[in-house]
Structures are given as C-alpha cells and as structure tokens.
Amino acid sequence: MKAHSTNSNGITEGVIWQQLLAFFFPILFGTFFQQLYNTADAIIVGQFLGKEALAAVGGGTGTAINLLIGFFTGLSAGATVIISQHYGAKNNERISASIHTAIALALAGGLMISIAGYAFTRPLLEMIGTPDDILPLAISYMHIYFLGGIPVVMYNMGAGIFRAMGDSRTPFYFLIASCLTNIVLDLLFVGVFGMNVEGAAIATVISQLLSMVLIFITLMRRKEPEKLRIRKIAFDRTLLCHMLLIGLPAGIQSIMYTISNLIIQAAINQYGTDSAAAWAAWSKLDQIFWMFINAFSIAITTFVGQNFGAGKIDRARKGVRTVVIMSAVSTLAIEAGYFLVGRYGLMLFITDSTVLEIGVSIMHYIVPWYITYIAIELLSGAIRGVGKSLIPTLISVFGICVLRVIWIYVSPAVSPTLFGVLFSYPFSWIVTSALFIIYYYRGHIYEIQKRH
C-alpha cells in the first residue's frame, strides 16, 4: 500500500550531509530548549534560593529522575525505529497502527512513572547519600515533578513519532512554547511568590503539560496515515512486541547508565555540599555537549531507519560516515568553547567562590575526553536504526556501567580524590567506543531481517 503524499521527505533522497543537517538542527535546538527546563530551574533557584536549593534541583536529583524517565524514553526509541522503518517502506496501515500503539505505550508508561517515582523518591535520594541539608528540598521537588509523569513521557514519545516521519521541526516549536512558559512561571513562582523549590517543580510540570497538549492537537490534525484518532489508541500486539524488542534493551541501558551515575553521585557527595553543588552546576553546562551528540544520534537513527526500510543500505552507510565527521568537528569546537568561556557559564549557576573553583576544575578535567565518546552515541544509534538493540545494550552495559562501577570501588585505593572518581568517565568511554567500532564494522548489522 502506497502512502499519502505527506509521507514524502528528503531523508531517503538528496544530498546526504544536507539532509542530515536539515534534520539535525531542529533536533539540536529542540534538545536545547528541553534542557532549559531544568537549567532555568537551576539558574533561578541558584540565584534566588542559594546553593542548597541548587543542589536539590540538580545533580543527584536530576540523575534520580532520569532513572525512571530514561527507561520510558528508551521504550519510545523502539517506537521511533519501527515507525521510521514503516515510513521508509511507505506502508500506510503499519504507520497508523504504530502511531496509535506508541501513544498507548506512552500513556501507560507515564502513569507508571508517576506512581513509582512518587513512591521511591526518598529511597533513591537516600541511596545516593544526598546530604541532610539538601534531602527535604530534593524530596519536595521530585514529588511534584513525578506527578507530571504522563506529560513528560508523552512529549518524548510524540517528538519521536514526528521525527520518525522526518519532521524534526514540529516538536522543536512545541518545546519553544513550553520552555518559555517554564521560564516565566519559574520567575513568577520562585522569584515573585517565593515558593522555594516547589515553585520550580510546579512550573516544570505545567510547561510539560502544555507540550503534551500541543502534541495531541497537532497529531489529531494530521492527514492519514499520520492522523491520531483517540478511539484508535490501543496496543497492536505485533507492533508492541517489535517496539519492546528494540525499546526494552534501550530502556534497560538507560537504567544501567543512571545507576552507574547514581553511584558516581554518591561518591561525589562524600566530598561535601560544595562538591555536590559544583557537580550540579557543571552538569547543567555539560549538557551543551550532550545536546549536540544526542541530536546527531537521533538524526542518524531516523536516517538509517528510513533508508533501511526503503532498502537503501549504501545510503545508510554513507550517512553514518558523514555524521561521524560532523560530530567530531562539532565536539572539538565545543571543547575549545568550554576552555575559553566555560567559567562564565558556571557563574550563571554559582555565586559561591569555592564552589565555582571546584566547578571549573571539574570542567577542565572532563572536557578533553569528550571526543572519545562520540562513537558510542552515533554507532549505537545507527545499529538501533536497523532494528538491532540487544548487542548495543550489552556493549553499553559492560563498557559504560560495569567498568564504571568497578572503577568507583577501585579508585579509593588508586586515587582517593574527587578526580579519581571522575576518571570513571573517560575510562569507560574509551573502552566502550572501541567495542562499538569493532561491532559496527564486523557485526553485519545491515543484514535484512525477516520482520518487514
């Protein structure tokens, strides 16, 4: 069955680098605005309420939130791959069924996040050794945040649906609207009404709810086969299994990433509130690199998915080579930018001079190693684009999670300092990149599977 004309896009045709960049930039800017949710919280909270409140809405709190949110974001990645492959193959019936199954999955996942997140907030924060002067504020922030579980998951799933169809601009526009709403409400609730960290959490939930509403309205106005019909939201058993086959390993990988980061956060917390606040501030500035590499990863996953679905294997391979070069150039430029103006970026979050110096030292230590990470994100994205998710997950769990945790327990004997803890990042990046490069070139990932 041939698709409607709305199924036409440049991902499977045209100049590869141009199509990749046209798809990449809306994702990048969208990711930037998505990060502004928590960054706006951190800037406003840090300036109005001090370092204890800053540590309560960033650092370990953000990592704990990602433990649950990241799992369902991984599930949405499975839906994105399935939709993109059917879109590339121009199968109208499967496109429509995939979209409605994805929405049903997001609703169920969001409800589970709200329940589990609220119930496990205190155990998670205590598990990572959150300092006593931070714990009550962090609990209040996370309880309110997790009440917005459905909007958070729904936006991520909706954005994945649009991107799978080659439309990376629509979710970008939604994020602009919701992010600006978040900033205005942050200033109103925290700066004017003095609502403490609870005000920042409420502002974030309201803005995420706006983005969810926009996703629903826009999908309901699309033409067939992309149109969302409320009465058709249900699980297609076969499609759900295919989505979970790809998404579950990605979700489990996200959990393992977060658990390893929680262990690192617990090790950092042992060095006191100043170090915890410095890490929280740096984690916000650090997002600049991750926004770029994440956007490239999303772009190559969709690019490979659609071209694989269309049977254009050579084009998929060329796309991977092109995106690796673009990512390497971008990463080197970002590294230079951190060293030139990174201190001023940290000053947006930090007013305490001791915390600032710790943050600058962390930045100068971590940044030069970014270039060693890019193969992990890009090659795993390409491999998932063809529908293979298990091996990338096993590589990531071993290279990023297992080795990182081992290092955390070994480091006190090798280098009992904050920077001994932080070496777990470059150590795990180098090993995992090597494993992904070997698998990508020797794993026959472009073999056609009998699912189509």
Protein backbone atom coordinates (compact mmCIF):
# COMPACT_ATOMS: atom_id res chain seq x y z
CA MET A 1 0.00 0.00 0.00
CA LYS A 2 1.45 3.34 -1.03
CA ALA A 3 1.44 6.15 1.44
CA HIS A 4 -0.16 9.54 1.23
CA SER A 5 1.98 12.34 -0.17
CA THR A 6 2.70 13.54 3.37
CA ASN A 7 4.96 10.51 3.52
CA SER A 8 7.47 12.23 1.23
CA ASN A 9 10.66 13.64 2.73
CA GLY A 10 14.30 14.04 1.85
CA ILE A 11 15.76 11.52 4.27
CA THR A 12 15.80 8.76 1.65
CA GLU A 13 16.91 11.04 -1.20
CA GLY A 14 19.04 14.09 -1.91
CA VAL A 15 22.49 15.14 -0.69
CA ILE A 16 23.22 13.23 2.50
CA TRP A 17 25.02 15.89 4.53
CA GLN A 18 22.40 18.49 3.64
CA GLN A 19 19.52 16.23 4.63
CA LEU A 20 21.24 15.26 7.86
CA LEU A 21 21.85 18.88 8.82
CA ALA A 22 18.31 19.89 7.90
CA PHE A 23 17.04 17.17 10.22
CA PHE A 24 19.75 17.72 12.87
CA PHE A 25 19.34 21.42 13.63
CA PRO A 26 15.69 21.34 14.74
CA ILE A 27 16.57 18.37 16.96
CA LEU A 28 19.54 20.27 18.39
CA PHE A 29 17.57 23.41 19.09
CA GLY A 30 14.71 21.32 20.44
CA THR A 31 17.09 19.49 22.77
CA PHE A 32 18.47 22.86 23.84
CA PHE A 33 15.05 24.09 24.82
CA GLN A 34 14.27 20.79 26.53
CA GLN A 35 17.39 21.18 28.65
CA LEU A 36 16.27 24.70 29.52
CA TYR A 37 13.51 23.18 31.65
CA ASN A 38 15.92 22.12 34.36
CA THR A 39 18.55 24.74 33.51
CA ALA A 40 16.07 27.55 34.08
CA ASP A 41 15.15 25.91 37.38
CA ALA A 42 18.82 25.75 38.33
CA ILE A 43 19.66 29.36 37.38
CA ILE A 44 16.63 30.88 39.08
CA VAL A 45 16.80 28.61 42.13
CA GLY A 46 20.57 29.08 42.47
CA GLN A 47 20.32 32.88 42.28
CA PHE A 48 17.22 33.31 44.48
CA LEU A 49 17.48 30.43 46.95
CA GLY A 50 21.18 29.51 47.30
CA LYS A 51 23.46 26.51 46.88
CA GLU A 52 21.42 24.05 48.98
CA ALA A 53 18.36 24.59 46.78
CA LEU A 54 20.56 24.41 43.66
CA ALA A 55 21.91 21.02 44.71
CA ALA A 56 18.32 19.92 45.45
CA VAL A 57 17.06 20.53 41.87
CA GLY A 58 20.23 19.41 40.05
CA GLY A 59 23.00 16.85 40.32
CA GLY A 60 21.75 13.75 42.13
CA THR A 61 18.11 14.81 41.90
CA GLY A 62 18.30 15.01 38.11
CA THR A 63 20.07 11.67 37.97
CA ALA A 64 17.42 10.04 40.16
CA ILE A 65 14.65 11.43 37.94
CA ASN A 66 16.43 10.08 34.86
CA LEU A 67 16.41 6.60 36.37
CA LEU A 68 12.68 6.31 35.62
CA ILE A 69 12.22 8.85 32.83
CA GLY A 70 15.15 7.40 30.89
CA PHE A 71 13.67 3.90 30.89
CA PHE A 72 10.50 5.01 29.15
CA THR A 73 12.46 7.28 26.82
CA GLY A 74 14.28 4.12 25.77
CA LEU A 75 10.94 2.48 25.06
CA SER A 76 9.98 5.44 22.88
CA ALA A 77 13.18 4.91 20.89
CA GLY A 78 11.86 1.48 19.95
CA ALA A 79 8.64 3.04 18.68
CA THR A 80 10.59 5.63 16.70
CA VAL A 81 12.62 2.96 14.90
CA ILE A 82 9.53 0.90 13.99
CA ILE A 83 7.63 3.95 12.70
CA SER A 84 10.62 5.20 10.71
CA GLN A 85 11.12 1.81 9.03
CA HIS A 86 7.45 1.56 8.02
CA TYR A 87 7.55 5.17 6.89
CA GLY A 88 10.57 4.46 4.70
CA ALA A 89 8.77 1.40 3.31
CA LYS A 90 5.62 3.55 2.69
CA ASN A 91 3.25 1.19 4.47
CA ASN A 92 0.22 3.29 5.46
CA GLU A 93 -1.54 0.65 7.53
CA ARG A 94 1.52 -0.05 9.68
CA ILE A 95 2.32 3.67 10.06
CA SER A 96 -1.12 4.38 11.53
CA ALA A 97 -1.14 1.32 13.78
CA SER A 98 2.39 2.10 15.00
CA ILE A 99 1.45 5.67 15.96
CA HIS A 100 -1.59 4.60 17.99
CA THR A 101 0.36 1.81 19.69
CA ALA A 102 3.13 4.28 20.57
CA ILE A 103 0.65 6.71 22.15
CA ALA A 104 -0.92 3.91 24.20
CA LEU A 105 2.54 2.88 25.38
CA ALA A 106 3.33 6.47 26.41
CA LEU A 107 0.12 6.82 28.43
CA ALA A 108 0.76 3.57 30.29
CA GLY A 109 4.41 4.43 30.84
CA GLY A 110 3.67 7.92 32.13
CA LEU A 111 1.21 6.58 34.69
CA MET A 112 3.76 4.04 35.90
CA ILE A 113 6.38 6.79 36.26
CA SER A 114 4.09 8.93 38.40
CA ILE A 115 3.32 6.06 40.77
CA ALA A 116 6.82 4.59 41.00
CA GLY A 117 8.58 7.96 41.07
CA TYR A 118 6.50 9.31 43.93
CA ALA A 119 6.85 6.09 45.93
CA PHE A 120 10.61 5.70 45.52
CA THR A 121 11.74 9.33 45.81
CA ARG A 122 13.13 9.11 49.33
CA PRO A 123 14.82 5.69 48.90
CA LEU A 124 16.51 6.88 45.70
CA LEU A 125 17.83 10.06 47.30
CA GLU A 126 18.99 8.24 50.42
CA MET A 127 20.64 5.55 48.30
CA ILE A 128 22.93 8.14 46.67
CA GLY A 129 23.78 9.73 50.01
CA THR A 130 22.06 13.07 49.46
CA PRO A 131 23.35 15.45 52.19
CA ASP A 132 20.91 16.07 55.06
CA ASP A 133 20.66 19.80 54.34
CA ILE A 134 19.52 19.02 50.79
CA LEU A 135 17.25 15.98 51.32
CA PRO A 136 13.94 17.70 52.33
CA LEU A 137 14.14 20.14 49.41
CA ALA A 138 15.03 17.38 46.93
CA ILE A 139 12.10 15.23 48.09
CA SER A 140 9.63 18.11 47.66
CA TYR A 141 10.96 18.87 44.17
CA MET A 142 10.84 15.27 42.97
CA HIS A 143 7.38 14.51 44.39
CA ILE A 144 5.86 17.35 42.38
CA TYR A 145 7.95 16.57 39.29
CA PHE A 146 6.80 12.94 39.17
CA LEU A 147 3.14 13.99 39.25
CA GLY A 148 3.80 15.12 35.68
CA GLY A 149 4.94 11.68 34.54
CA ILE A 150 2.39 11.35 31.71
CA PRO A 151 3.21 14.74 30.09
CA VAL A 152 6.95 14.01 30.24
CA VAL A 153 6.68 10.60 28.56
CA MET A 154 4.01 11.78 26.13
CA TYR A 155 6.15 14.64 24.85
CA ASN A 156 9.15 12.36 24.31
CA MET A 157 7.01 9.79 22.51
CA GLY A 158 5.26 12.44 20.43
CA ALA A 159 8.56 14.02 19.44
CA GLY A 160 9.83 10.57 18.46
CA ILE A 161 6.77 9.99 16.27
CA PHE A 162 7.26 13.26 14.39
CA ARG A 163 10.99 12.64 13.93
CA ALA A 164 10.35 9.10 12.67
CA MET A 165 8.27 10.67 9.90
CA GLY A 166 11.09 13.07 9.00
CA ASP A 167 9.58 16.07 10.82
CA SER A 168 12.01 17.40 13.41
CA ARG A 169 10.64 20.97 13.35
CA THR A 170 7.21 20.44 14.90
CA PRO A 171 8.45 19.13 18.28
CA PHE A 172 11.00 21.95 18.26
CA TYR A 173 8.24 24.56 18.04
CA PHE A 174 6.38 22.88 20.91
CA LEU A 175 9.48 22.99 23.07
CA ILE A 176 9.98 26.69 22.46
CA ALA A 177 6.46 27.38 23.71
CA SER A 178 6.72 25.13 26.75
CA CYS A 179 10.22 26.27 27.69
CA LEU A 180 9.31 29.95 27.59
CA THR A 181 6.28 29.10 29.72
CA ASN A 182 8.59 27.32 32.18
CA ILE A 183 10.94 30.31 32.50
CA VAL A 184 8.11 32.78 33.04
CA LEU A 185 6.48 30.53 35.66
CA ASP A 186 9.85 29.93 37.37
CA LEU A 187 10.37 33.65 37.78
CA LEU A 188 6.79 34.11 38.94
CA PHE A 189 6.61 31.23 41.43
CA VAL A 190 10.17 31.39 42.80
CA GLY A 191 11.23 34.99 42.25
CA VAL A 192 7.93 36.76 42.96
CA PHE A 193 5.87 34.38 45.12
CA GLY A 194 8.90 32.89 46.97
CA MET A 195 7.63 29.31 46.60
CA ASN A 196 11.09 27.69 47.04
CA VAL A 197 11.92 24.57 45.00
CA GLU A 198 8.24 23.56 44.91
CA GLY A 199 7.56 26.55 42.66
CA ALA A 200 10.24 25.42 40.19
CA ALA A 201 8.78 21.91 40.09
CA ILE A 202 5.23 23.19 39.52
CA ALA A 203 6.46 25.45 36.71
CA THR A 204 8.15 22.49 35.02
CA VAL A 205 5.06 20.25 35.25
CA ILE A 206 2.74 22.94 33.82
CA SER A 207 5.07 23.57 30.89
CA GLN A 208 5.40 19.87 30.13
CA LEU A 209 1.62 19.57 30.20
CA LEU A 210 1.45 22.31 27.56
CA SER A 211 3.82 20.39 25.27
CA MET A 212 1.71 17.23 25.65
CA VAL A 213 -1.47 19.09 24.68
CA LEU A 214 0.26 20.53 21.61
CA ILE A 215 1.45 17.05 20.59
CA PHE A 216 -2.11 15.66 20.78
CA ILE A 217 -3.74 18.55 18.94
CA THR A 218 -1.22 18.51 16.10
CA LEU A 219 -1.33 14.75 15.57
CA MET A 220 -5.13 14.86 15.54
CA ARG A 221 -4.98 17.43 12.73
CA ARG A 222 -2.57 15.50 10.51
CA LYS A 223 -3.73 13.73 7.37
CA GLU A 224 -3.86 9.96 7.03
CA PRO A 225 -1.92 7.80 7.70
CA GLU A 226 -0.35 10.09 10.34
CA LYS A 227 -3.62 11.25 11.92
CA LEU A 228 -4.22 10.44 15.59
CA ARG A 229 -7.73 9.26 16.45
CA ILE A 230 -8.46 8.99 20.18
CA ARG A 231 -10.74 5.98 19.77
CA LYS A 232 -7.99 4.07 17.96
CA ILE A 233 -5.42 4.44 20.77
CA ALA A 234 -4.72 0.82 21.66
CA PHE A 235 -1.97 -1.77 21.55
CA ASP A 236 -1.34 -3.67 18.35
CA ARG A 237 0.19 -6.81 19.83
CA THR A 238 2.65 -7.47 16.99
CA LEU A 239 3.84 -3.87 16.76
CA LEU A 240 4.08 -3.57 20.52
CA CYS A 241 6.31 -6.64 20.63
CA HIS A 242 8.55 -5.18 17.92
CA MET A 243 8.75 -1.85 19.76
CA LEU A 244 9.59 -3.56 23.05
CA LEU A 245 12.16 -5.79 21.34
CA ILE A 246 14.08 -2.63 20.41
CA GLY A 247 12.96 -0.30 23.20
CA LEU A 248 13.35 -2.55 26.25
CA PRO A 249 17.11 -3.04 25.80
CA ALA A 250 17.45 0.72 25.27
CA GLY A 251 15.38 1.38 28.38
CA ILE A 252 17.40 -1.10 30.44
CA GLN A 253 20.58 0.50 29.15
CA SER A 254 19.30 3.89 30.30
CA ILE A 255 18.60 2.49 33.77
CA MET A 256 22.08 1.00 33.96
CA TYR A 257 23.61 4.30 32.84
CA THR A 258 21.67 6.11 35.53
CA ILE A 259 22.52 3.59 38.24
CA SER A 260 26.21 3.98 37.45
CA ASN A 261 25.78 7.77 37.55
CA LEU A 262 23.97 7.48 40.88
CA ILE A 263 26.91 5.53 42.27
CA ILE A 264 29.24 8.23 40.99
CA GLN A 265 26.96 10.88 42.50
CA ALA A 266 27.13 9.09 45.86
CA ALA A 267 30.93 9.09 45.64
CA ILE A 268 30.93 12.82 44.82
CA ASN A 269 28.53 13.56 47.69
CA GLN A 270 31.13 12.18 50.09
CA TYR A 271 33.22 15.26 49.36
CA GLY A 272 30.55 17.55 50.83
CA THR A 273 27.90 20.08 49.79
CA ASP A 274 30.37 22.31 47.91
CA SER A 275 31.42 19.46 45.62
CA ALA A 276 27.79 18.33 45.20
CA ALA A 277 26.74 21.88 44.24
CA ALA A 278 29.70 22.27 41.86
CA TRP A 279 28.81 18.98 40.16
CA ALA A 280 25.16 20.03 39.92
CA ALA A 281 26.15 23.31 38.26
CA TRP A 282 28.63 21.65 35.91
CA SER A 283 26.06 19.02 34.95
CA LYS A 284 23.89 21.83 33.54
CA LEU A 285 26.71 23.35 31.50
CA ASP A 286 27.84 19.87 30.47
CA GLN A 287 24.52 19.47 28.66
CA ILE A 288 25.78 21.58 25.75
CA PHE A 289 27.93 18.71 24.52
CA TRP A 290 25.26 16.10 25.16
CA MET A 291 22.69 18.17 23.26
CA PHE A 292 24.90 18.08 20.16
CA ILE A 293 25.83 14.42 20.33
CA ASN A 294 22.28 13.40 21.23
CA ALA A 295 20.86 15.32 18.29
CA PHE A 296 23.33 13.65 15.92
CA SER A 297 22.38 10.26 17.39
CA ILE A 298 18.65 10.85 16.93
CA ALA A 299 19.27 12.09 13.39
CA ILE A 300 21.31 9.04 12.37
CA THR A 301 18.84 6.62 13.97
CA THR A 302 15.98 8.03 11.90
CA PHE A 303 18.18 8.37 8.79
CA VAL A 304 19.32 4.75 8.98
CA GLY A 305 15.83 3.55 9.95
CA GLN A 306 14.09 5.11 6.95
CA ASN A 307 16.81 4.17 4.46
CA PHE A 308 16.97 0.64 5.83
CA GLY A 309 13.19 0.40 5.49
CA ALA A 310 13.48 1.68 1.90
CA GLY A 311 16.23 -0.85 1.13
CA LYS A 312 18.89 1.86 0.59
CA ILE A 313 21.70 0.22 2.55
CA ASP A 314 24.60 2.06 0.86
CA ARG A 315 22.95 5.39 1.62
CA ALA A 316 22.57 4.37 5.27
CA ARG A 317 26.29 3.53 5.49
CA LYS A 318 27.30 6.81 3.89
CA GLY A 319 25.06 8.66 6.32
CA VAL A 320 26.88 7.10 9.27
CA ARG A 321 30.29 8.12 7.92
CA THR A 322 29.05 11.65 7.28
CA VAL A 323 27.55 12.11 10.73
CA VAL A 324 30.73 10.85 12.45
CA ILE A 325 32.77 13.54 10.68
CA MET A 326 30.26 16.28 11.53
CA SER A 327 30.14 15.15 15.17
CA ALA A 328 33.92 15.11 15.53
CA VAL A 329 34.25 18.66 14.18
CA SER A 330 31.44 19.87 16.45
CA THR A 331 32.94 18.18 19.50
CA LEU A 332 36.35 19.78 19.03
CA ALA A 333 34.69 23.19 18.66
CA ILE A 334 32.66 22.64 21.84
CA GLU A 335 35.75 21.59 23.78
CA ALA A 336 37.51 24.80 22.75
CA GLY A 337 34.46 26.83 23.78
CA TYR A 338 34.40 25.34 27.27
CA PHE A 339 38.02 26.28 27.88
CA LEU A 340 37.51 29.81 26.56
CA VAL A 341 34.26 30.83 28.26
CA GLY A 342 33.20 27.89 30.46
CA ARG A 343 33.94 29.75 33.71
CA TYR A 344 31.41 32.43 32.80
CA GLY A 345 28.83 29.77 32.07
CA LEU A 346 29.30 28.27 35.53
CA MET A 347 28.83 31.71 37.05
CA LEU A 348 25.22 31.63 35.85
CA PHE A 349 24.57 28.92 38.44
CA ILE A 350 27.16 29.61 41.15
CA THR A 351 27.64 32.61 43.41
CA ASP A 352 29.93 30.91 45.97
CA SER A 353 33.62 31.34 45.00
CA THR A 354 34.72 27.99 46.49
CA VAL A 355 32.02 26.09 44.60
CA LEU A 356 32.95 27.97 41.40
CA GLU A 357 36.60 26.92 41.56
CA ILE A 358 35.64 23.29 42.11
CA GLY A 359 33.27 23.51 39.13
CA VAL A 360 35.97 24.97 36.87
CA SER A 361 38.39 22.21 37.87
CA ILE A 362 35.77 19.55 37.07
CA MET A 363 35.13 21.14 33.67
CA HIS A 364 38.82 21.28 32.73
CA TYR A 365 39.23 17.64 33.70
CA ILE A 366 36.22 16.18 31.86
CA VAL A 367 36.03 18.24 28.65
CA PRO A 368 39.16 16.98 26.79
CA TRP A 369 37.76 13.44 26.88
CA TYR A 370 34.52 14.21 25.01
CA ILE A 371 35.99 13.20 21.66
CA THR A 372 36.39 9.64 22.95
CA TYR A 373 32.62 9.30 23.43
CA ILE A 374 31.14 10.13 20.04
CA ALA A 375 31.47 6.64 18.53
CA ILE A 376 29.31 5.23 21.33
CA GLU A 377 26.35 7.50 20.67
CA LEU A 378 26.49 7.53 16.87
CA LEU A 379 27.18 3.87 16.19
CA SER A 380 24.64 2.67 18.74
CA GLY A 381 22.08 4.99 17.10
CA ALA A 382 22.85 3.58 13.66
CA ILE A 383 22.67 -0.01 14.87
CA ARG A 384 19.29 0.61 16.52
CA GLY A 385 18.09 2.23 13.29
CA VAL A 386 18.22 -1.18 11.60
CA GLY A 387 16.26 -2.67 14.50
CA LYS A 388 19.10 -4.35 16.40
CA SER A 389 19.11 -3.28 20.02
CA LEU A 390 20.38 -6.15 22.16
CA ILE A 391 24.09 -6.09 21.27
CA PRO A 392 24.42 -2.28 21.65
CA THR A 393 22.81 -2.62 25.07
CA LEU A 394 25.18 -5.40 26.15
CA ILE A 395 28.19 -3.40 24.98
CA SER A 396 26.99 -0.27 26.76
CA VAL A 397 26.08 -2.05 29.98
CA PHE A 398 29.51 -3.65 30.16
CA GLY A 399 31.60 -0.75 28.90
CA ILE A 400 29.79 2.18 30.48
CA CYS A 401 28.10 0.68 33.53
CA VAL A 402 30.05 -2.34 34.77
CA LEU A 403 33.51 -0.90 34.19
CA ARG A 404 32.46 2.45 35.63
CA VAL A 405 31.14 0.90 38.82
CA ILE A 406 34.25 -1.27 39.16
CA TRP A 407 36.39 1.85 38.88
CA ILE A 408 34.40 3.66 41.57
CA TYR A 409 35.15 0.87 44.03
CA VAL A 410 38.80 0.64 42.96
CA SER A 411 39.55 4.38 42.81
CA PRO A 412 39.88 4.99 46.59
CA ALA A 413 42.93 2.74 46.56
CA VAL A 414 44.32 4.20 43.32
CA SER A 415 43.41 7.89 43.55
CA PRO A 416 41.34 8.84 46.64
CA THR A 417 40.25 12.24 45.33
CA LEU A 418 37.27 13.77 43.55
CA PHE A 419 39.14 13.50 40.25
CA GLY A 420 39.88 9.86 40.90
CA VAL A 421 36.12 9.35 40.94
CA LEU A 422 35.66 11.40 37.76
CA PHE A 423 38.19 9.33 35.80
CA SER A 424 35.47 6.68 35.58
CA TYR A 425 34.01 8.67 32.69
CA PRO A 426 36.94 8.74 30.23
CA PHE A 427 37.95 5.22 31.23
CA SER A 428 34.53 3.82 30.32
CA TRP A 429 34.16 5.97 27.19
CA ILE A 430 37.41 4.75 25.65
CA VAL A 431 36.70 1.05 26.22
CA THR A 432 33.09 1.26 25.03
CA SER A 433 33.95 3.23 21.89
CA ALA A 434 36.45 0.56 20.88
CA LEU A 435 33.84 -2.17 21.34
CA PHE A 436 31.24 -0.31 19.26
CA ILE A 437 33.68 0.33 16.42
CA ILE A 438 34.57 -3.37 16.29
CA TYR A 439 30.91 -4.46 16.31
CA TYR A 440 29.77 -1.91 13.73
CA TYR A 441 32.37 -2.96 11.17
CA ARG A 442 32.31 -6.71 11.89
CA GLY A 443 28.77 -7.35 13.11
CA HIS A 444 26.96 -7.44 9.73
CA ILE A 445 24.37 -5.02 11.11
CA TYR A 446 22.76 -4.27 7.74
CA GLU A 447 21.58 -7.82 7.11
CA ILE A 448 17.88 -7.65 6.25
CA GLN A 449 15.69 -9.10 8.98
CA LYS A 450 12.53 -11.06 8.13
CA ARG A 451 10.24 -8.72 10.00
CA HIS A 452 9.32 -6.50 7.11
